[in-house]
Amino acid sequence: MTQYAAMIYSRDVDWTLPEYAAETAEYGAFAEAAGAVIRGGAALYPTSTATTVRVEAKGGTPLTTDGPYAETKEALTGFYLLECADLDEAVKVAATIPGAWDGAVEVRPVIEFPM
């Protein structure tokens, strides 16, 4: 079985706030329904909490800036790691992620490197 990253792009808000409790509950329902294929995942705090790191060259000094890399209408707000038989199954599961209903879910196969 292949693993797929299902990356959620939606409104850039703090999902821990009480006003998003109903939407957060929808994610809980999704996680319960799709639990058989979910291998991991997390919600992310808003992009205002991000730190962007750049290094001019290997071994160089890191340069950090507060905030996201770029301003966008939708931001990467979370992800799931899914283990599915094929892309068709991963897309079917991703279509049930609440973020797909008013944002987008990008599905990508994961490269599994040997440890």
PDB file of N, CA and C in Angstrom:
ATOM      1  N   MET A   1       0.852  -1.180   0.000  1.00  0.00           N
ATOM      2  CA  MET A   1       0.000   0.000   0.000  1.00  0.00           C
ATOM      3  C   MET A   1       0.890   1.233   0.000  1.00  0.00           C
ATOM      4  N   THR A   2       0.445   2.236  -0.694  1.00  0.00           N
ATOM      5  CA  THR A   2       1.194   3.490  -0.814  1.00  0.00           C
ATOM      6  C   THR A   2       0.689   4.495   0.215  1.00  0.00           C
ATOM      7  N   GLN A   3       1.612   5.315   0.710  1.00  0.00           N
ATOM      8  CA  GLN A   3       1.212   6.403   1.591  1.00  0.00           C
ATOM      9  C   GLN A   3       1.069   7.672   0.767  1.00  0.00           C
ATOM     10  N   TYR A   4       0.059   8.462   1.140  1.00  0.00           N
ATOM     11  CA  TYR A   4      -0.234   9.730   0.466  1.00  0.00           C
ATOM     12  C   TYR A   4      -0.337  10.826   1.508  1.00  0.00           C
ATOM     13  N   ALA A   5       0.243  11.981   1.206  1.00  0.00           N
ATOM     14  CA  ALA A   5       0.053  13.163   2.032  1.00  0.00           C
ATOM     15  C   ALA A   5      -1.164  13.899   1.482  1.00  0.00           C
ATOM     16  N   ALA A   6      -2.125  14.140   2.338  1.00  0.00           N
ATOM     17  CA  ALA A   6      -3.308  14.923   1.969  1.00  0.00           C
ATOM     18  C   ALA A   6      -3.177  16.265   2.669  1.00  0.00           C
ATOM     19  N   MET A   7      -2.700  17.270   1.925  1.00  0.00           N
ATOM     20  CA  MET A   7      -2.399  18.579   2.496  1.00  0.00           C
ATOM     21  C   MET A   7      -3.600  19.508   2.314  1.00  0.00           C
ATOM     22  N   ILE A   8      -4.052  20.074   3.421  1.00  0.00           N
ATOM     23  CA  ILE A   8      -5.270  20.867   3.442  1.00  0.00           C
ATOM     24  C   ILE A   8      -4.936  22.345   3.315  1.00  0.00           C
ATOM     25  N   TYR A   9      -5.526  22.991   2.323  1.00  0.00           N
ATOM     26  CA  TYR A   9      -5.389  24.435   2.118  1.00  0.00           C
ATOM     27  C   TYR A   9      -6.750  25.061   2.360  1.00  0.00           C
ATOM     28  N   SER A  10      -6.828  25.898   3.381  1.00  0.00           N
ATOM     29  CA  SER A  10      -8.106  26.502   3.736  1.00  0.00           C
ATOM     30  C   SER A  10      -7.863  27.881   4.337  1.00  0.00           C
ATOM     31  N   ARG A  11      -8.929  28.445   4.907  1.00  0.00           N
ATOM     32  CA  ARG A  11      -8.797  29.760   5.547  1.00  0.00           C
ATOM     33  C   ARG A  11      -7.692  29.715   6.601  1.00  0.00           C
ATOM     34  N   ASP A  12      -6.955  30.796   6.698  1.00  0.00           N
ATOM     35  CA  ASP A  12      -5.830  30.890   7.626  1.00  0.00           C
ATOM     36  C   ASP A  12      -6.329  31.426   8.967  1.00  0.00           C
ATOM     37  N   VAL A  13      -6.883  30.528   9.784  1.00  0.00           N
ATOM     38  CA  VAL A  13      -7.444  30.926  11.072  1.00  0.00           C
ATOM     39  C   VAL A  13      -6.872  30.033  12.165  1.00  0.00           C
ATOM     40  N   ASP A  14      -7.112  30.424  13.399  1.00  0.00           N
ATOM     41  CA  ASP A  14      -6.688  29.622  14.546  1.00  0.00           C
ATOM     42  C   ASP A  14      -7.820  28.649  14.887  1.00  0.00           C
ATOM     43  N   TRP A  15      -7.674  27.401  14.476  1.00  0.00           N
ATOM     44  CA  TRP A  15      -8.727  26.404  14.641  1.00  0.00           C
ATOM     45  C   TRP A  15      -8.950  26.025  16.094  1.00  0.00           C
ATOM     46  N   THR A  16      -8.114  26.506  17.027  1.00  0.00           N
ATOM     47  CA  THR A  16      -8.317  26.206  18.439  1.00  0.00           C
ATOM     48  C   THR A  16      -9.339  27.135  19.082  1.00  0.00           C
ATOM     49  N   LEU A  17      -9.744  28.199  18.383  1.00  0.00           N
ATOM     50  CA  LEU A  17     -10.699  29.158  18.947  1.00  0.00           C
ATOM     51  C   LEU A  17     -12.107  28.568  18.983  1.00  0.00           C
ATOM     52  N   PRO A  18     -12.886  28.935  20.001  1.00  0.00           N
ATOM     53  CA  PRO A  18     -14.229  28.365  20.166  1.00  0.00           C
ATOM     54  C   PRO A  18     -15.159  28.568  18.960  1.00  0.00           C
ATOM     55  N   GLU A  19     -15.000  29.649  18.233  1.00  0.00           N
ATOM     56  CA  GLU A  19     -15.907  29.899  17.101  1.00  0.00           C
ATOM     57  C   GLU A  19     -15.746  28.889  15.959  1.00  0.00           C
ATOM     58  N   TYR A  20     -14.696  28.067  16.007  1.00  0.00           N
ATOM     59  CA  TYR A  20     -14.486  27.047  14.974  1.00  0.00           C
ATOM     60  C   TYR A  20     -14.770  25.638  15.504  1.00  0.00           C
ATOM     61  N   ALA A  21     -15.429  25.546  16.654  1.00  0.00           N
ATOM     62  CA  ALA A  21     -15.683  24.252  17.286  1.00  0.00           C
ATOM     63  C   ALA A  21     -16.506  23.324  16.393  1.00  0.00           C
ATOM     64  N   ALA A  22     -17.501  23.860  15.693  1.00  0.00           N
ATOM     65  CA  ALA A  22     -18.340  23.008  14.836  1.00  0.00           C
ATOM     66  C   ALA A  22     -17.516  22.420  13.696  1.00  0.00           C
ATOM     67  N   GLU A  23     -16.657  23.249  13.087  1.00  0.00           N
ATOM     68  CA  GLU A  23     -15.813  22.752  11.996  1.00  0.00           C
ATOM     69  C   GLU A  23     -14.775  21.762  12.517  1.00  0.00           C
ATOM     70  N   THR A  24     -14.236  22.026  13.686  1.00  0.00           N
ATOM     71  CA  THR A  24     -13.270  21.107  14.284  1.00  0.00           C
ATOM     72  C   THR A  24     -13.932  19.757  14.561  1.00  0.00           C
ATOM     73  N   ALA A  25     -15.191  19.784  14.976  1.00  0.00           N
ATOM     74  CA  ALA A  25     -15.925  18.532  15.209  1.00  0.00           C
ATOM     75  C   ALA A  25     -16.089  17.749  13.908  1.00  0.00           C
ATOM     76  N   GLU A  26     -16.248  18.448  12.781  1.00  0.00           N
ATOM     77  CA  GLU A  26     -16.345  17.762  11.494  1.00  0.00           C
ATOM     78  C   GLU A  26     -15.051  17.010  11.181  1.00  0.00           C
ATOM     79  N   TYR A  27     -13.911  17.593  11.540  1.00  0.00           N
ATOM     80  CA  TYR A  27     -12.634  16.895  11.352  1.00  0.00           C
ATOM     81  C   TYR A  27     -12.557  15.667  12.247  1.00  0.00           C
ATOM     82  N   GLY A  28     -13.092  15.763  13.455  1.00  0.00           N
ATOM     83  CA  GLY A  28     -13.128  14.603  14.337  1.00  0.00           C
ATOM     84  C   GLY A  28     -13.965  13.478  13.745  1.00  0.00           C
ATOM     85  N   ALA A  29     -15.102  13.851  13.143  1.00  0.00           N
ATOM     86  CA  ALA A  29     -15.960  12.848  12.495  1.00  0.00           C
ATOM     87  C   ALA A  29     -15.246  12.220  11.301  1.00  0.00           C
ATOM     88  N   PHE A  30     -14.528  13.050  10.526  1.00  0.00           N
ATOM     89  CA  PHE A  30     -13.751  12.510   9.411  1.00  0.00           C
ATOM     90  C   PHE A  30     -12.714  11.520   9.916  1.00  0.00           C
ATOM     91  N   ALA A  31     -11.971  11.896  10.963  1.00  0.00           N
ATOM     92  CA  ALA A  31     -10.906  11.036  11.491  1.00  0.00           C
ATOM     93  C   ALA A  31     -11.472   9.710  11.976  1.00  0.00           C
ATOM     94  N   GLU A  32     -12.653   9.740  12.558  1.00  0.00           N
ATOM     95  CA  GLU A  32     -13.275   8.494  13.013  1.00  0.00           C
ATOM     96  C   GLU A  32     -13.680   7.625  11.821  1.00  0.00           C
ATOM     97  N   ALA A  33     -14.262   8.249  10.803  1.00  0.00           N
ATOM     98  CA  ALA A  33     -14.729   7.504   9.630  1.00  0.00           C
ATOM     99  C   ALA A  33     -13.574   6.943   8.805  1.00  0.00           C
ATOM    100  N   ALA A  34     -12.466   7.690   8.716  1.00  0.00           N
ATOM    101  CA  ALA A  34     -11.338   7.282   7.871  1.00  0.00           C
ATOM    102  C   ALA A  34     -10.183   6.708   8.681  1.00  0.00           C
ATOM    103  N   GLY A  35     -10.428   6.379   9.926  1.00  0.00           N
ATOM    104  CA  GLY A  35      -9.370   5.894  10.814  1.00  0.00           C
ATOM    105  C   GLY A  35      -8.585   4.712  10.292  1.00  0.00           C
ATOM    106  N   ALA A  36      -9.201   3.892   9.465  1.00  0.00           N
ATOM    107  CA  ALA A  36      -8.513   2.702   8.956  1.00  0.00           C
ATOM    108  C   ALA A  36      -7.349   3.043   8.035  1.00  0.00           C
ATOM    109  N   VAL A  37      -7.371   4.213   7.398  1.00  0.00           N
ATOM    110  CA  VAL A  37      -6.295   4.565   6.463  1.00  0.00           C
ATOM    111  C   VAL A  37      -5.418   5.712   6.957  1.00  0.00           C
ATOM    112  N   ILE A  38      -5.807   6.379   8.027  1.00  0.00           N
ATOM    113  CA  ILE A  38      -5.014   7.506   8.546  1.00  0.00           C
ATOM    114  C   ILE A  38      -3.815   6.961   9.315  1.00  0.00           C
ATOM    115  N   ARG A  39      -2.613   7.417   8.942  1.00  0.00           N
ATOM    116  CA  ARG A  39      -1.377   7.010   9.613  1.00  0.00           C
ATOM    117  C   ARG A  39      -0.757   8.144  10.412  1.00  0.00           C
ATOM    118  N   GLY A  40      -1.310   9.334  10.294  1.00  0.00           N
ATOM    119  CA  GLY A  40      -0.792  10.486  11.029  1.00  0.00           C
ATOM    120  C   GLY A  40      -1.441  11.746  10.502  1.00  0.00           C
ATOM    121  N   GLY A  41      -1.062  12.850  11.099  1.00  0.00           N
ATOM    122  CA  GLY A  41      -1.579  14.132  10.646  1.00  0.00           C
ATOM    123  C   GLY A  41      -1.569  15.139  11.772  1.00  0.00           C
ATOM    124  N   ALA A  42      -1.835  16.382  11.411  1.00  0.00           N
ATOM    125  CA  ALA A  42      -1.874  17.453  12.398  1.00  0.00           C
ATOM    126  C   ALA A  42      -2.506  18.681  11.781  1.00  0.00           C
ATOM    127  N   ALA A  43      -3.110  19.482  12.652  1.00  0.00           N
ATOM    128  CA  ALA A  43      -3.558  20.815  12.254  1.00  0.00           C
ATOM    129  C   ALA A  43      -2.407  21.771  12.551  1.00  0.00           C
ATOM    130  N   LEU A  44      -2.330  22.845  11.800  1.00  0.00           N
ATOM    131  CA  LEU A  44      -1.255  23.816  11.981  1.00  0.00           C
ATOM    132  C   LEU A  44      -1.817  25.137  12.495  1.00  0.00           C
ATOM    133  N   TYR A  45      -1.061  25.803  13.350  1.00  0.00           N
ATOM    134  CA  TYR A  45      -1.443  27.147  13.787  1.00  0.00           C
ATOM    135  C   TYR A  45      -1.365  28.092  12.586  1.00  0.00           C
ATOM    136  N   PRO A  46      -1.988  29.282  12.660  1.00  0.00           N
ATOM    137  CA  PRO A  46      -1.996  30.211  11.527  1.00  0.00           C
ATOM    138  C   PRO A  46      -0.592  30.599  11.052  1.00  0.00           C
ATOM    139  N   THR A  47      -0.524  31.038   9.805  1.00  0.00           N
ATOM    140  CA  THR A  47       0.769  31.406   9.225  1.00  0.00           C
ATOM    141  C   THR A  47       1.438  32.564   9.963  1.00  0.00           C
ATOM    142  N   SER A  48       0.678  33.339  10.720  1.00  0.00           N
ATOM    143  CA  SER A  48       1.292  34.428  11.495  1.00  0.00           C
ATOM    144  C   SER A  48       2.246  33.892  12.554  1.00  0.00           C
ATOM    145  N   THR A  49       2.157  32.606  12.876  1.00  0.00           N
ATOM    146  CA  THR A  49       3.063  32.004  13.861  1.00  0.00           C
ATOM    147  C   THR A  49       4.284  31.368  13.205  1.00  0.00           C
ATOM    148  N   ALA A  50       4.342  31.416  11.879  1.00  0.00           N
ATOM    149  CA  ALA A  50       5.416  30.742  11.139  1.00  0.00           C
ATOM    150  C   ALA A  50       6.728  31.508  11.213  1.00  0.00           C
ATOM    151  N   THR A  51       7.806  30.777  11.069  1.00  0.00           N
ATOM    152  CA  THR A  51       9.140  31.342  10.878  1.00  0.00           C
ATOM    153  C   THR A  51       9.689  30.707   9.606  1.00  0.00           C
ATOM    154  N   THR A  52      10.113  31.535   8.672  1.00  0.00           N
ATOM    155  CA  THR A  52      10.680  31.049   7.424  1.00  0.00           C
ATOM    156  C   THR A  52      12.192  31.036   7.551  1.00  0.00           C
ATOM    157  N   VAL A  53      12.813  29.926   7.172  1.00  0.00           N
ATOM    158  CA  VAL A  53      14.268  29.754   7.284  1.00  0.00           C
ATOM    159  C   VAL A  53      14.863  29.643   5.891  1.00  0.00           C
ATOM    160  N   ARG A  54      15.904  30.422   5.639  1.00  0.00           N
ATOM    161  CA  ARG A  54      16.650  30.342   4.382  1.00  0.00           C
ATOM    162  C   ARG A  54      18.139  30.246   4.719  1.00  0.00           C
ATOM    163  N   VAL A  55      18.875  29.535   3.875  1.00  0.00           N
ATOM    164  CA  VAL A  55      20.326  29.438   4.005  1.00  0.00           C
ATOM    165  C   VAL A  55      20.894  29.654   2.610  1.00  0.00           C
ATOM    166  N   GLU A  56      21.825  30.595   2.476  1.00  0.00           N
ATOM    167  CA  GLU A  56      22.369  30.915   1.150  1.00  0.00           C
ATOM    168  C   GLU A  56      23.093  29.742   0.513  1.00  0.00           C
ATOM    169  N   ALA A  57      23.755  28.936   1.325  1.00  0.00           N
ATOM    170  CA  ALA A  57      24.489  27.784   0.800  1.00  0.00           C
ATOM    171  C   ALA A  57      24.609  26.747   1.907  1.00  0.00           C
ATOM    172  N   LYS A  58      24.885  25.514   1.525  1.00  0.00           N
ATOM    173  CA  LYS A  58      25.042  24.434   2.494  1.00  0.00           C
ATOM    174  C   LYS A  58      26.036  24.839   3.571  1.00  0.00           C
ATOM    175  N   GLY A  59      25.615  24.688   4.827  1.00  0.00           N
ATOM    176  CA  GLY A  59      26.482  25.033   5.945  1.00  0.00           C
ATOM    177  C   GLY A  59      26.485  26.515   6.282  1.00  0.00           C
ATOM    178  N   GLY A  60      25.753  27.322   5.519  1.00  0.00           N
ATOM    179  CA  GLY A  60      25.718  28.764   5.758  1.00  0.00           C
ATOM    180  C   GLY A  60      24.919  29.127   6.997  1.00  0.00           C
ATOM    181  N   THR A  61      24.919  30.390   7.300  1.00  0.00           N
ATOM    182  CA  THR A  61      24.190  30.894   8.450  1.00  0.00           C
ATOM    183  C   THR A  61      22.708  31.004   8.109  1.00  0.00           C
ATOM    184  N   PRO A  62      21.847  30.463   8.948  1.00  0.00           N
ATOM    185  CA  PRO A  62      20.420  30.577   8.676  1.00  0.00           C
ATOM    186  C   PRO A  62      19.935  32.026   8.812  1.00  0.00           C
ATOM    187  N   LEU A  63      19.075  32.422   7.898  1.00  0.00           N
ATOM    188  CA  LEU A  63      18.418  33.721   7.956  1.00  0.00           C
ATOM    189  C   LEU A  63      16.943  33.426   8.195  1.00  0.00           C
ATOM    190  N   THR A  64      16.398  33.937   9.296  1.00  0.00           N
ATOM    191  CA  THR A  64      15.000  33.673   9.609  1.00  0.00           C
ATOM    192  C   THR A  64      14.179  34.943   9.490  1.00  0.00           C
ATOM    193  N   THR A  65      12.937  34.780   9.068  1.00  0.00           N
ATOM    194  CA  THR A  65      11.985  35.887   9.031  1.00  0.00           C
ATOM    195  C   THR A  65      10.683  35.410   9.638  1.00  0.00           C
ATOM    196  N   ASP A  66       9.993  36.312  10.298  1.00  0.00           N
ATOM    197  CA  ASP A  66       8.702  35.974  10.884  1.00  0.00           C
ATOM    198  C   ASP A  66       7.651  35.907   9.795  1.00  0.00           C
ATOM    199  N   GLY A  67       6.723  34.993   9.974  1.00  0.00           N
ATOM    200  CA  GLY A  67       5.599  34.904   9.064  1.00  0.00           C
ATOM    201  C   GLY A  67       5.830  33.924   7.936  1.00  0.00           C
ATOM    202  N   PRO A  68       4.826  33.822   7.076  1.00  0.00           N
ATOM    203  CA  PRO A  68       4.855  32.839   5.996  1.00  0.00           C
ATOM    204  C   PRO A  68       5.769  33.255   4.865  1.00  0.00           C
ATOM    205  N   TYR A  69       6.047  32.296   4.006  1.00  0.00           N
ATOM    206  CA  TYR A  69       6.859  32.534   2.816  1.00  0.00           C
ATOM    207  C   TYR A  69       6.166  33.509   1.873  1.00  0.00           C
ATOM    208  N   ALA A  70       4.858  33.375   1.701  1.00  0.00           N
ATOM    209  CA  ALA A  70       4.110  34.224   0.774  1.00  0.00           C
ATOM    210  C   ALA A  70       2.706  34.450   1.313  1.00  0.00           C
ATOM    211  N   GLU A  71       2.117  35.578   0.964  1.00  0.00           N
ATOM    212  CA  GLU A  71       0.733  35.865   1.327  1.00  0.00           C
ATOM    213  C   GLU A  71      -0.187  35.146   0.346  1.00  0.00           C
ATOM    214  N   THR A  72      -1.182  34.457   0.868  1.00  0.00           N
ATOM    215  CA  THR A  72      -2.138  33.759   0.019  1.00  0.00           C
ATOM    216  C   THR A  72      -3.525  33.837   0.635  1.00  0.00           C
ATOM    217  N   LYS A  73      -4.530  33.584  -0.187  1.00  0.00           N
ATOM    218  CA  LYS A  73      -5.909  33.543   0.308  1.00  0.00           C
ATOM    219  C   LYS A  73      -6.129  32.285   1.146  1.00  0.00           C
ATOM    220  N   GLU A  74      -5.568  31.179   0.673  1.00  0.00           N
ATOM    221  CA  GLU A  74      -5.646  29.921   1.403  1.00  0.00           C
ATOM    222  C   GLU A  74      -4.238  29.525   1.815  1.00  0.00           C
ATOM    223  N   ALA A  75      -4.125  28.917   2.984  1.00  0.00           N
ATOM    224  CA  ALA A  75      -2.814  28.532   3.505  1.00  0.00           C
ATOM    225  C   ALA A  75      -2.831  27.045   3.849  1.00  0.00           C
ATOM    226  N   LEU A  76      -1.644  26.462   3.927  1.00  0.00           N
ATOM    227  CA  LEU A  76      -1.518  25.085   4.398  1.00  0.00           C
ATOM    228  C   LEU A  76      -1.895  25.091   5.875  1.00  0.00           C
ATOM    229  N   THR A  77      -3.028  24.469   6.205  1.00  0.00           N
ATOM    230  CA  THR A  77      -3.541  24.526   7.571  1.00  0.00           C
ATOM    231  C   THR A  77      -3.500  23.183   8.283  1.00  0.00           C
ATOM    232  N   GLY A  78      -3.114  22.132   7.564  1.00  0.00           N
ATOM    233  CA  GLY A  78      -3.022  20.827   8.194  1.00  0.00           C
ATOM    234  C   GLY A  78      -2.774  19.756   7.152  1.00  0.00           C
ATOM    235  N   PHE A  79      -2.630  18.531   7.632  1.00  0.00           N
ATOM    236  CA  PHE A  79      -2.370  17.424   6.709  1.00  0.00           C
ATOM    237  C   PHE A  79      -2.748  16.113   7.371  1.00  0.00           C
ATOM    238  N   TYR A  80      -2.976  15.130   6.543  1.00  0.00           N
ATOM    239  CA  TYR A  80      -3.140  13.743   6.980  1.00  0.00           C
ATOM    240  C   TYR A  80      -2.171  12.900   6.184  1.00  0.00           C
ATOM    241  N   LEU A  81      -1.652  11.874   6.803  1.00  0.00           N
ATOM    242  CA  LEU A  81      -0.871  10.858   6.110  1.00  0.00           C
ATOM    243  C   LEU A  81      -1.796   9.660   5.965  1.00  0.00           C
ATOM    244  N   LEU A  82      -2.114   9.320   4.718  1.00  0.00           N
ATOM    245  CA  LEU A  82      -3.059   8.245   4.425  1.00  0.00           C
ATOM    246  C   LEU A  82      -2.329   7.066   3.808  1.00  0.00           C
ATOM    247  N   GLU A  83      -2.731   5.870   4.148  1.00  0.00           N
ATOM    248  CA  GLU A  83      -2.201   4.674   3.505  1.00  0.00           C
ATOM    249  C   GLU A  83      -3.346   4.041   2.724  1.00  0.00           C
ATOM    250  N   CYS A  84      -3.236   4.096   1.392  1.00  0.00           N
ATOM    251  CA  CYS A  84      -4.322   3.665   0.522  1.00  0.00           C
ATOM    252  C   CYS A  84      -3.802   2.718  -0.551  1.00  0.00           C
ATOM    253  N   ALA A  85      -4.704   1.954  -1.124  1.00  0.00           N
ATOM    254  CA  ALA A  85      -4.342   0.993  -2.159  1.00  0.00           C
ATOM    255  C   ALA A  85      -3.798   1.689  -3.401  1.00  0.00           C
ATOM    256  N   ASP A  86      -4.365   2.867  -3.728  1.00  0.00           N
ATOM    257  CA  ASP A  86      -3.943   3.585  -4.932  1.00  0.00           C
ATOM    258  C   ASP A  86      -4.424   5.030  -4.852  1.00  0.00           C
ATOM    259  N   LEU A  87      -4.087   5.806  -5.863  1.00  0.00           N
ATOM    260  CA  LEU A  87      -4.460   7.220  -5.887  1.00  0.00           C
ATOM    261  C   LEU A  87      -5.976   7.392  -5.882  1.00  0.00           C
ATOM    262  N   ASP A  88      -6.689   6.537  -6.576  1.00  0.00           N
ATOM    263  CA  ASP A  88      -8.153   6.651  -6.603  1.00  0.00           C
ATOM    264  C   ASP A  88      -8.741   6.569  -5.198  1.00  0.00           C
ATOM    265  N   GLU A  89      -8.242   5.634  -4.397  1.00  0.00           N
ATOM    266  CA  GLU A  89      -8.732   5.525  -3.021  1.00  0.00           C
ATOM    267  C   GLU A  89      -8.342   6.756  -2.212  1.00  0.00           C
ATOM    268  N   ALA A  90      -7.111   7.253  -2.389  1.00  0.00           N
ATOM    269  CA  ALA A  90      -6.652   8.430  -1.655  1.00  0.00           C
ATOM    270  C   ALA A  90      -7.502   9.654  -1.997  1.00  0.00           C
ATOM    271  N   VAL A  91      -7.854   9.803  -3.266  1.00  0.00           N
ATOM    272  CA  VAL A  91      -8.697  10.925  -3.690  1.00  0.00           C
ATOM    273  C   VAL A  91     -10.093  10.796  -3.086  1.00  0.00           C
ATOM    274  N   LYS A  92     -10.615   9.583  -3.063  1.00  0.00           N
ATOM    275  CA  LYS A  92     -11.938   9.349  -2.485  1.00  0.00           C
ATOM    276  C   LYS A  92     -11.948   9.741  -1.005  1.00  0.00           C
ATOM    277  N   VAL A  93     -10.909   9.361  -0.279  1.00  0.00           N
ATOM    278  CA  VAL A  93     -10.809   9.720   1.144  1.00  0.00           C
ATOM    279  C   VAL A  93     -10.629  11.230   1.282  1.00  0.00           C
ATOM    280  N   ALA A  94      -9.751  11.820   0.481  1.00  0.00           N
ATOM    281  CA  ALA A  94      -9.483  13.260   0.569  1.00  0.00           C
ATOM    282  C   ALA A  94     -10.740  14.085   0.314  1.00  0.00           C
ATOM    283  N   ALA A  95     -11.625  13.594  -0.516  1.00  0.00           N
ATOM    284  CA  ALA A  95     -12.863  14.320  -0.816  1.00  0.00           C
ATOM    285  C   ALA A  95     -13.777  14.416   0.395  1.00  0.00           C
ATOM    286  N   THR A  96     -13.540  13.585   1.409  1.00  0.00           N
ATOM    287  CA  THR A  96     -14.359  13.634   2.620  1.00  0.00           C
ATOM    288  C   THR A  96     -13.719  14.460   3.732  1.00  0.00           C
ATOM    289  N   ILE A  97     -12.522  14.989   3.505  1.00  0.00           N
ATOM    290  CA  ILE A  97     -11.874  15.875   4.480  1.00  0.00           C
ATOM    291  C   ILE A  97     -12.612  17.217   4.434  1.00  0.00           C
ATOM    292  N   PRO A  98     -13.068  17.741   5.583  1.00  0.00           N
ATOM    293  CA  PRO A  98     -13.836  18.985   5.572  1.00  0.00           C
ATOM    294  C   PRO A  98     -13.173  20.143   4.828  1.00  0.00           C
ATOM    295  N   GLY A  99     -11.849  20.222   4.829  1.00  0.00           N
ATOM    296  CA  GLY A  99     -11.159  21.298   4.126  1.00  0.00           C
ATOM    297  C   GLY A  99     -11.400  21.302   2.626  1.00  0.00           C
ATOM    298  N   ALA A 100     -11.772  20.167   2.068  1.00  0.00           N
ATOM    299  CA  ALA A 100     -12.045  20.086   0.627  1.00  0.00           C
ATOM    300  C   ALA A 100     -13.343  20.790   0.265  1.00  0.00           C
ATOM    301  N   TRP A 101     -14.210  21.001   1.242  1.00  0.00           N
ATOM    302  CA  TRP A 101     -15.536  21.554   0.967  1.00  0.00           C
ATOM    303  C   TRP A 101     -15.519  23.049   0.724  1.00  0.00           C
ATOM    304  N   ASP A 102     -14.553  23.777   1.285  1.00  0.00           N
ATOM    305  CA  ASP A 102     -14.488  25.220   1.034  1.00  0.00           C
ATOM    306  C   ASP A 102     -13.054  25.687   0.809  1.00  0.00           C
ATOM    307  N   GLY A 103     -12.171  24.756   0.561  1.00  0.00           N
ATOM    308  CA  GLY A 103     -10.775  25.045   0.271  1.00  0.00           C
ATOM    309  C   GLY A 103     -10.284  24.030  -0.735  1.00  0.00           C
ATOM    310  N   ALA A 104      -9.142  23.426  -0.467  1.00  0.00           N
ATOM    311  CA  ALA A 104      -8.594  22.414  -1.366  1.00  0.00           C
ATOM    312  C   ALA A 104      -7.762  21.431  -0.558  1.00  0.00           C
ATOM    313  N   VAL A 105      -7.703  20.196  -1.049  1.00  0.00           N
ATOM    314  CA  VAL A 105      -6.838  19.179  -0.459  1.00  0.00           C
ATOM    315  C   VAL A 105      -5.949  18.661  -1.579  1.00  0.00           C
ATOM    316  N   GLU A 106      -4.653  18.857  -1.420  1.00  0.00           N
ATOM    317  CA  GLU A 106      -3.677  18.358  -2.395  1.00  0.00           C
ATOM    318  C   GLU A 106      -3.221  16.976  -1.949  1.00  0.00           C
ATOM    319  N   VAL A 107      -3.321  16.008  -2.839  1.00  0.00           N
ATOM    320  CA  VAL A 107      -2.930  14.628  -2.533  1.00  0.00           C
ATOM    321  C   VAL A 107      -1.664  14.306  -3.308  1.00  0.00           C
ATOM    322  N   ARG A 108      -0.639  13.840  -2.574  1.00  0.00           N
ATOM    323  CA  ARG A 108       0.639  13.495  -3.203  1.00  0.00           C
ATOM    324  C   ARG A 108       1.177  12.207  -2.637  1.00  0.00           C
ATOM    325  N   PRO A 109       1.705  11.323  -3.514  1.00  0.00           N
ATOM    326  CA  PRO A 109       2.341  10.110  -2.984  1.00  0.00           C
ATOM    327  C   PRO A 109       3.601  10.487  -2.201  1.00  0.00           C
ATOM    328  N   VAL A 110       3.863   9.708  -1.167  1.00  0.00           N
ATOM    329  CA  VAL A 110       5.013   9.931  -0.304  1.00  0.00           C
ATOM    330  C   VAL A 110       6.149   9.024  -0.749  1.00  0.00           C
ATOM    331  N   ILE A 111       7.341   9.575  -0.842  1.00  0.00           N
ATOM    332  CA  ILE A 111       8.530   8.772  -1.133  1.00  0.00           C
ATOM    333  C   ILE A 111       9.009   8.191   0.190  1.00  0.00           C
ATOM    334  N   GLU A 112       9.077   6.896   0.257  1.00  0.00           N
ATOM    335  CA  GLU A 112       9.514   6.240   1.489  1.00  0.00           C
ATOM    336  C   GLU A 112      10.980   5.829   1.336  1.00  0.00           C
ATOM    337  N   PHE A 113      11.871   6.566   1.983  1.00  0.00           N
ATOM    338  CA  PHE A 113      13.291   6.274   1.953  1.00  0.00           C
ATOM    339  C   PHE A 113      13.615   5.234   3.015  1.00  0.00           C
ATOM    340  N   PRO A 114      14.550   4.342   2.731  1.00  0.00           N
ATOM    341  CA  PRO A 114      14.943   3.368   3.771  1.00  0.00           C
ATOM    342  C   PRO A 114      15.622   4.089   4.929  1.00  0.00           C
ATOM    343  N   MET A 115      15.385   3.599   6.127  1.00  0.00           N
ATOM    344  CA  MET A 115      15.983   4.217   7.311  1.00  0.00           C
ATOM    345  C   MET A 115      17.328   3.608   7.594  1.00  0.00           C
TER     346      MET A 115
END
